[in-house]
Amino acid sequence: MIYKSHDVASTATRLRLLPWSNPDGNPCYLVADASSTGFLSRVADNVEAVQLGMAGDLLDHAADLLADIKTTEPQLRFLAARLAESLHDVHRIARSRGARLPVPDDDDEAREEDPGT
């Protein structure tokens, strides 16, 4: 599913992987310009922030469960399932943010290879 932002500039558009899927489980994208601060971009930023916060909370909970010798196998299976879901979300966020990083031009790469220039 592709959403079009109202603030799209026709000359510098890009696709942003959104932090949710459509009902069929396929990825959703937003077509926006490089500096998009539209409503849907802000919603996506907020969803990502919530997902990352929940991942941090889940990691804390996992550490507590793993440290407790009374933790049962069903509890560990449930924890593993939630960790896998969270890892999926965090991986999607990383891919989305990585795709939005600027690509260095050839001059920047040459300077990194030869620091003396």
N, C-alpha and C. Protein backbone atom coordinates (compact mmCIF):
# COMPACT_ATOMS: atom_id res chain seq x y z
N MET A 1 0.86 -1.16 0.00
CA MET A 1 0.00 0.00 0.00
C MET A 1 0.90 1.22 0.00
N ILE A 2 0.60 2.17 -0.87
CA ILE A 2 1.40 3.39 -0.97
C ILE A 2 0.49 4.58 -0.69
N TYR A 3 0.93 5.41 0.25
CA TYR A 3 0.23 6.64 0.58
C TYR A 3 0.98 7.78 -0.08
N LYS A 4 0.26 8.79 -0.55
CA LYS A 4 0.90 9.98 -1.10
C LYS A 4 0.71 11.14 -0.15
N SER A 5 1.82 11.76 0.21
CA SER A 5 1.77 12.92 1.09
C SER A 5 1.36 14.14 0.29
N HIS A 6 0.60 15.03 0.91
CA HIS A 6 0.16 16.25 0.24
C HIS A 6 1.30 17.23 0.03
N ASP A 7 2.41 17.07 0.77
CA ASP A 7 3.51 18.00 0.64
C ASP A 7 4.64 17.44 -0.23
N VAL A 8 4.28 16.63 -1.22
CA VAL A 8 5.28 16.00 -2.08
C VAL A 8 5.76 16.99 -3.13
N ALA A 9 7.06 17.12 -3.23
CA ALA A 9 7.66 17.91 -4.30
C ALA A 9 7.96 16.96 -5.45
N SER A 10 7.56 17.27 -6.64
CA SER A 10 7.68 16.35 -7.75
C SER A 10 9.12 16.06 -8.13
N THR A 11 10.07 16.89 -7.75
CA THR A 11 11.45 16.70 -8.18
C THR A 11 12.27 15.83 -7.23
N ALA A 12 11.93 15.74 -5.98
CA ALA A 12 12.76 15.00 -5.02
C ALA A 12 11.90 14.11 -4.15
N THR A 13 11.24 13.13 -4.77
CA THR A 13 10.39 12.24 -3.98
C THR A 13 11.13 10.96 -3.64
N ARG A 14 10.67 10.32 -2.61
CA ARG A 14 11.24 9.05 -2.16
C ARG A 14 10.14 8.25 -1.50
N LEU A 15 10.39 6.95 -1.33
CA LEU A 15 9.45 6.09 -0.62
C LEU A 15 9.94 5.91 0.80
N ARG A 16 9.04 6.04 1.75
CA ARG A 16 9.37 5.77 3.15
C ARG A 16 8.62 4.53 3.57
N LEU A 17 9.35 3.52 4.04
CA LEU A 17 8.73 2.32 4.59
C LEU A 17 8.07 2.70 5.91
N LEU A 18 6.78 2.47 6.00
CA LEU A 18 6.03 2.83 7.20
C LEU A 18 6.12 1.71 8.24
N PRO A 19 5.94 2.03 9.51
CA PRO A 19 6.10 1.03 10.58
C PRO A 19 4.88 0.14 10.79
N TRP A 20 4.08 -0.06 9.77
CA TRP A 20 2.95 -0.97 9.86
C TRP A 20 2.74 -1.64 8.51
N SER A 21 1.94 -2.70 8.50
CA SER A 21 1.64 -3.44 7.28
C SER A 21 0.18 -3.27 6.93
N ASN A 22 -0.16 -3.62 5.69
CA ASN A 22 -1.57 -3.60 5.31
C ASN A 22 -2.25 -4.86 5.85
N PRO A 23 -3.56 -5.00 5.72
CA PRO A 23 -4.25 -6.17 6.28
C PRO A 23 -3.73 -7.52 5.77
N ASP A 24 -3.11 -7.53 4.59
CA ASP A 24 -2.56 -8.78 4.04
C ASP A 24 -1.14 -9.04 4.53
N GLY A 25 -0.59 -8.13 5.35
CA GLY A 25 0.77 -8.30 5.87
C GLY A 25 1.85 -7.73 4.98
N ASN A 26 1.47 -7.05 3.91
CA ASN A 26 2.45 -6.45 3.01
C ASN A 26 2.87 -5.07 3.52
N PRO A 27 4.10 -4.65 3.17
CA PRO A 27 4.58 -3.35 3.66
C PRO A 27 3.78 -2.19 3.07
N CYS A 28 3.75 -1.11 3.81
CA CYS A 28 3.12 0.14 3.38
C CYS A 28 4.21 1.18 3.21
N TYR A 29 4.06 2.02 2.21
CA TYR A 29 5.04 3.06 1.92
C TYR A 29 4.35 4.41 1.82
N LEU A 30 5.11 5.44 2.11
CA LEU A 30 4.65 6.82 1.95
C LEU A 30 5.53 7.47 0.89
N VAL A 31 4.92 8.06 -0.12
CA VAL A 31 5.66 8.84 -1.12
C VAL A 31 5.72 10.26 -0.59
N ALA A 32 6.95 10.72 -0.34
CA ALA A 32 7.11 12.05 0.27
C ALA A 32 8.40 12.67 -0.23
N ASP A 33 8.55 13.97 -0.02
CA ASP A 33 9.81 14.61 -0.37
C ASP A 33 10.82 14.39 0.75
N ALA A 34 12.07 14.75 0.51
CA ALA A 34 13.16 14.46 1.45
C ALA A 34 12.98 15.14 2.80
N SER A 35 12.26 16.24 2.85
CA SER A 35 12.09 16.96 4.13
C SER A 35 10.65 16.86 4.62
N SER A 36 9.98 15.78 4.28
CA SER A 36 8.56 15.65 4.60
C SER A 36 8.31 15.71 6.11
N THR A 37 7.42 16.60 6.48
CA THR A 37 6.96 16.69 7.87
C THR A 37 5.44 16.69 7.90
N GLY A 38 4.86 16.01 6.92
CA GLY A 38 3.41 15.94 6.82
C GLY A 38 2.80 15.11 7.93
N PHE A 39 1.49 15.11 7.97
CA PHE A 39 0.75 14.42 9.02
C PHE A 39 1.11 12.95 9.10
N LEU A 40 1.11 12.23 7.97
CA LEU A 40 1.39 10.80 8.00
C LEU A 40 2.82 10.52 8.41
N SER A 41 3.76 11.38 8.03
CA SER A 41 5.15 11.22 8.47
C SER A 41 5.26 11.35 9.99
N ARG A 42 4.52 12.31 10.55
CA ARG A 42 4.54 12.49 12.01
C ARG A 42 3.89 11.30 12.71
N VAL A 43 2.81 10.76 12.15
CA VAL A 43 2.17 9.57 12.72
C VAL A 43 3.16 8.41 12.71
N ALA A 44 3.85 8.22 11.58
CA ALA A 44 4.83 7.14 11.47
C ALA A 44 5.96 7.33 12.48
N ASP A 45 6.44 8.57 12.64
CA ASP A 45 7.49 8.85 13.63
C ASP A 45 7.01 8.48 15.04
N ASN A 46 5.77 8.82 15.36
CA ASN A 46 5.22 8.50 16.69
C ASN A 46 5.08 7.00 16.88
N VAL A 47 4.61 6.28 15.86
CA VAL A 47 4.48 4.82 15.95
C VAL A 47 5.85 4.19 16.16
N GLU A 48 6.86 4.66 15.41
CA GLU A 48 8.21 4.14 15.59
C GLU A 48 8.71 4.38 17.01
N ALA A 49 8.46 5.55 17.54
CA ALA A 49 8.90 5.87 18.91
C ALA A 49 8.24 4.93 19.92
N VAL A 50 6.96 4.66 19.74
CA VAL A 50 6.25 3.74 20.63
C VAL A 50 6.84 2.33 20.50
N GLN A 51 7.05 1.89 19.26
CA GLN A 51 7.60 0.54 19.05
C GLN A 51 8.99 0.41 19.68
N LEU A 52 9.84 1.42 19.53
CA LEU A 52 11.17 1.36 20.12
C LEU A 52 11.11 1.38 21.64
N GLY A 53 10.19 2.18 22.19
CA GLY A 53 10.01 2.20 23.64
C GLY A 53 9.53 0.86 24.18
N MET A 54 8.60 0.25 23.47
CA MET A 54 8.10 -1.06 23.88
C MET A 54 9.20 -2.11 23.79
N ALA A 55 10.07 -2.01 22.79
CA ALA A 55 11.18 -2.95 22.65
C ALA A 55 12.12 -2.83 23.86
N GLY A 56 12.39 -1.61 24.28
CA GLY A 56 13.23 -1.42 25.46
C GLY A 56 12.60 -2.00 26.72
N ASP A 57 11.30 -1.78 26.89
CA ASP A 57 10.58 -2.35 28.03
C ASP A 57 10.62 -3.87 28.00
N LEU A 58 10.43 -4.43 26.81
CA LEU A 58 10.44 -5.89 26.66
C LEU A 58 11.80 -6.47 26.99
N LEU A 59 12.87 -5.78 26.59
CA LEU A 59 14.21 -6.24 26.94
C LEU A 59 14.42 -6.26 28.45
N ASP A 60 13.93 -5.24 29.13
CA ASP A 60 14.03 -5.22 30.59
C ASP A 60 13.26 -6.39 31.20
N HIS A 61 12.06 -6.64 30.69
CA HIS A 61 11.23 -7.75 31.18
C HIS A 61 11.92 -9.09 30.90
N ALA A 62 12.53 -9.21 29.72
CA ALA A 62 13.24 -10.45 29.37
C ALA A 62 14.39 -10.71 30.33
N ALA A 63 15.13 -9.67 30.67
CA ALA A 63 16.24 -9.84 31.61
C ALA A 63 15.73 -10.33 32.96
N ASP A 64 14.61 -9.78 33.41
CA ASP A 64 14.03 -10.21 34.70
C ASP A 64 13.58 -11.67 34.64
N LEU A 65 12.88 -12.04 33.56
CA LEU A 65 12.40 -13.42 33.44
C LEU A 65 13.55 -14.41 33.36
N LEU A 66 14.57 -14.07 32.60
CA LEU A 66 15.70 -14.98 32.44
C LEU A 66 16.52 -15.12 33.72
N ALA A 67 16.48 -14.12 34.57
CA ALA A 67 17.21 -14.18 35.84
C ALA A 67 16.45 -14.96 36.91
N ASP A 68 15.17 -15.18 36.68
CA ASP A 68 14.32 -15.87 37.67
C ASP A 68 14.31 -17.37 37.39
N ILE A 69 14.82 -18.15 38.33
CA ILE A 69 14.88 -19.60 38.12
C ILE A 69 13.50 -20.26 38.15
N LYS A 70 12.49 -19.54 38.61
CA LYS A 70 11.13 -20.09 38.65
C LYS A 70 10.35 -19.84 37.35
N THR A 71 10.97 -19.19 36.37
CA THR A 71 10.30 -18.93 35.11
C THR A 71 9.99 -20.25 34.42
N THR A 72 8.76 -20.37 33.93
CA THR A 72 8.31 -21.63 33.32
C THR A 72 8.58 -21.63 31.81
N GLU A 73 8.50 -22.82 31.23
CA GLU A 73 8.68 -22.96 29.79
C GLU A 73 7.62 -22.17 29.01
N PRO A 74 6.33 -22.24 29.39
CA PRO A 74 5.34 -21.42 28.66
C PRO A 74 5.64 -19.92 28.74
N GLN A 75 6.14 -19.46 29.88
CA GLN A 75 6.50 -18.05 30.00
C GLN A 75 7.63 -17.70 29.05
N LEU A 76 8.62 -18.60 28.94
CA LEU A 76 9.75 -18.35 28.04
C LEU A 76 9.31 -18.39 26.58
N ARG A 77 8.40 -19.28 26.24
CA ARG A 77 7.89 -19.34 24.86
C ARG A 77 7.12 -18.06 24.53
N PHE A 78 6.30 -17.60 25.47
CA PHE A 78 5.57 -16.35 25.26
C PHE A 78 6.54 -15.18 25.09
N LEU A 79 7.57 -15.14 25.94
CA LEU A 79 8.59 -14.10 25.85
C LEU A 79 9.29 -14.15 24.49
N ALA A 80 9.66 -15.34 24.04
CA ALA A 80 10.34 -15.48 22.75
C ALA A 80 9.46 -14.97 21.61
N ALA A 81 8.18 -15.26 21.67
CA ALA A 81 7.25 -14.78 20.63
C ALA A 81 7.18 -13.26 20.63
N ARG A 82 7.08 -12.65 21.81
CA ARG A 82 7.01 -11.19 21.88
C ARG A 82 8.34 -10.56 21.44
N LEU A 83 9.47 -11.20 21.79
CA LEU A 83 10.77 -10.69 21.36
C LEU A 83 10.89 -10.75 19.83
N ALA A 84 10.40 -11.82 19.22
CA ALA A 84 10.44 -11.94 17.77
C ALA A 84 9.59 -10.86 17.11
N GLU A 85 8.41 -10.59 17.66
CA GLU A 85 7.57 -9.52 17.12
C GLU A 85 8.26 -8.17 17.24
N SER A 86 8.87 -7.93 18.38
CA SER A 86 9.55 -6.67 18.61
C SER A 86 10.76 -6.52 17.70
N LEU A 87 11.50 -7.60 17.51
CA LEU A 87 12.66 -7.56 16.62
C LEU A 87 12.21 -7.26 15.19
N HIS A 88 11.09 -7.81 14.77
CA HIS A 88 10.54 -7.51 13.45
C HIS A 88 10.27 -6.01 13.31
N ASP A 89 9.64 -5.42 14.32
CA ASP A 89 9.34 -3.99 14.29
C ASP A 89 10.62 -3.15 14.24
N VAL A 90 11.58 -3.49 15.09
CA VAL A 90 12.83 -2.73 15.15
C VAL A 90 13.61 -2.88 13.85
N HIS A 91 13.59 -4.07 13.26
CA HIS A 91 14.27 -4.29 11.99
C HIS A 91 13.64 -3.44 10.88
N ARG A 92 12.31 -3.35 10.87
CA ARG A 92 11.62 -2.53 9.87
C ARG A 92 11.99 -1.05 10.06
N ILE A 93 12.07 -0.60 11.30
CA ILE A 93 12.44 0.79 11.57
C ILE A 93 13.87 1.05 11.08
N ALA A 94 14.77 0.11 11.35
CA ALA A 94 16.16 0.28 10.91
C ALA A 94 16.25 0.33 9.39
N ARG A 95 15.52 -0.55 8.70
CA ARG A 95 15.52 -0.52 7.23
C ARG A 95 14.96 0.79 6.71
N SER A 96 13.87 1.26 7.32
CA SER A 96 13.24 2.50 6.88
C SER A 96 14.18 3.68 7.07
N ARG A 97 14.79 3.76 8.24
CA ARG A 97 15.69 4.88 8.51
C ARG A 97 16.96 4.80 7.68
N GLY A 98 17.47 3.58 7.48
CA GLY A 98 18.66 3.41 6.65
C GLY A 98 18.41 3.83 5.21
N ALA A 99 17.23 3.55 4.70
CA ALA A 99 16.89 3.92 3.33
C ALA A 99 16.77 5.43 3.18
N ARG A 100 16.54 6.14 4.27
CA ARG A 100 16.40 7.60 4.20
C ARG A 100 17.71 8.34 4.42
N LEU A 101 18.79 7.62 4.71
CA LEU A 101 20.09 8.27 4.89
C LEU A 101 20.57 8.81 3.55
N PRO A 102 21.21 9.96 3.56
CA PRO A 102 21.73 10.50 2.30
C PRO A 102 22.87 9.63 1.77
N VAL A 103 22.91 9.49 0.47
CA VAL A 103 23.98 8.73 -0.18
C VAL A 103 25.13 9.69 -0.45
N PRO A 104 26.34 9.35 0.03
CA PRO A 104 27.47 10.26 -0.20
C PRO A 104 27.82 10.29 -1.69
N ASP A 105 28.28 11.46 -2.14
CA ASP A 105 28.70 11.53 -3.54
C ASP A 105 30.11 10.96 -3.66
N ASP A 106 30.60 10.78 -4.87
CA ASP A 106 31.90 10.14 -5.10
C ASP A 106 33.04 10.89 -4.45
N ASP A 107 32.96 12.22 -4.36
CA ASP A 107 34.03 13.01 -3.74
C ASP A 107 34.19 12.67 -2.27
N ASP A 108 33.05 12.46 -1.55
CA ASP A 108 33.12 12.11 -0.14
C ASP A 108 33.77 10.75 0.05
N GLU A 109 33.46 9.80 -0.83
CA GLU A 109 34.05 8.46 -0.72
C GLU A 109 35.55 8.51 -0.98
N ALA A 110 35.99 9.31 -1.95
CA ALA A 110 37.42 9.42 -2.26
C ALA A 110 38.18 10.00 -1.08
N ARG A 111 37.60 11.00 -0.40
CA ARG A 111 38.27 11.60 0.76
C ARG A 111 38.37 10.61 1.91
N GLU A 112 37.36 9.74 2.08
CA GLU A 112 37.43 8.75 3.15
C GLU A 112 38.51 7.72 2.88
N GLU A 113 38.71 7.36 1.61
CA GLU A 113 39.73 6.37 1.25
C GLU A 113 41.13 6.96 1.38
N ASP A 114 41.30 8.25 1.10
CA ASP A 114 42.60 8.90 1.15
C ASP A 114 42.50 10.11 2.08
N PRO A 115 42.70 9.88 3.41
CA PRO A 115 42.53 10.98 4.37
C PRO A 115 43.51 12.12 4.17
N GLY A 116 44.56 11.95 3.36
CA GLY A 116 45.54 13.00 3.15
C GLY A 116 45.08 14.08 2.20
N THR A 117 43.92 13.89 1.55
CA THR A 117 43.44 14.90 0.61
C THR A 117 42.55 15.89 1.27
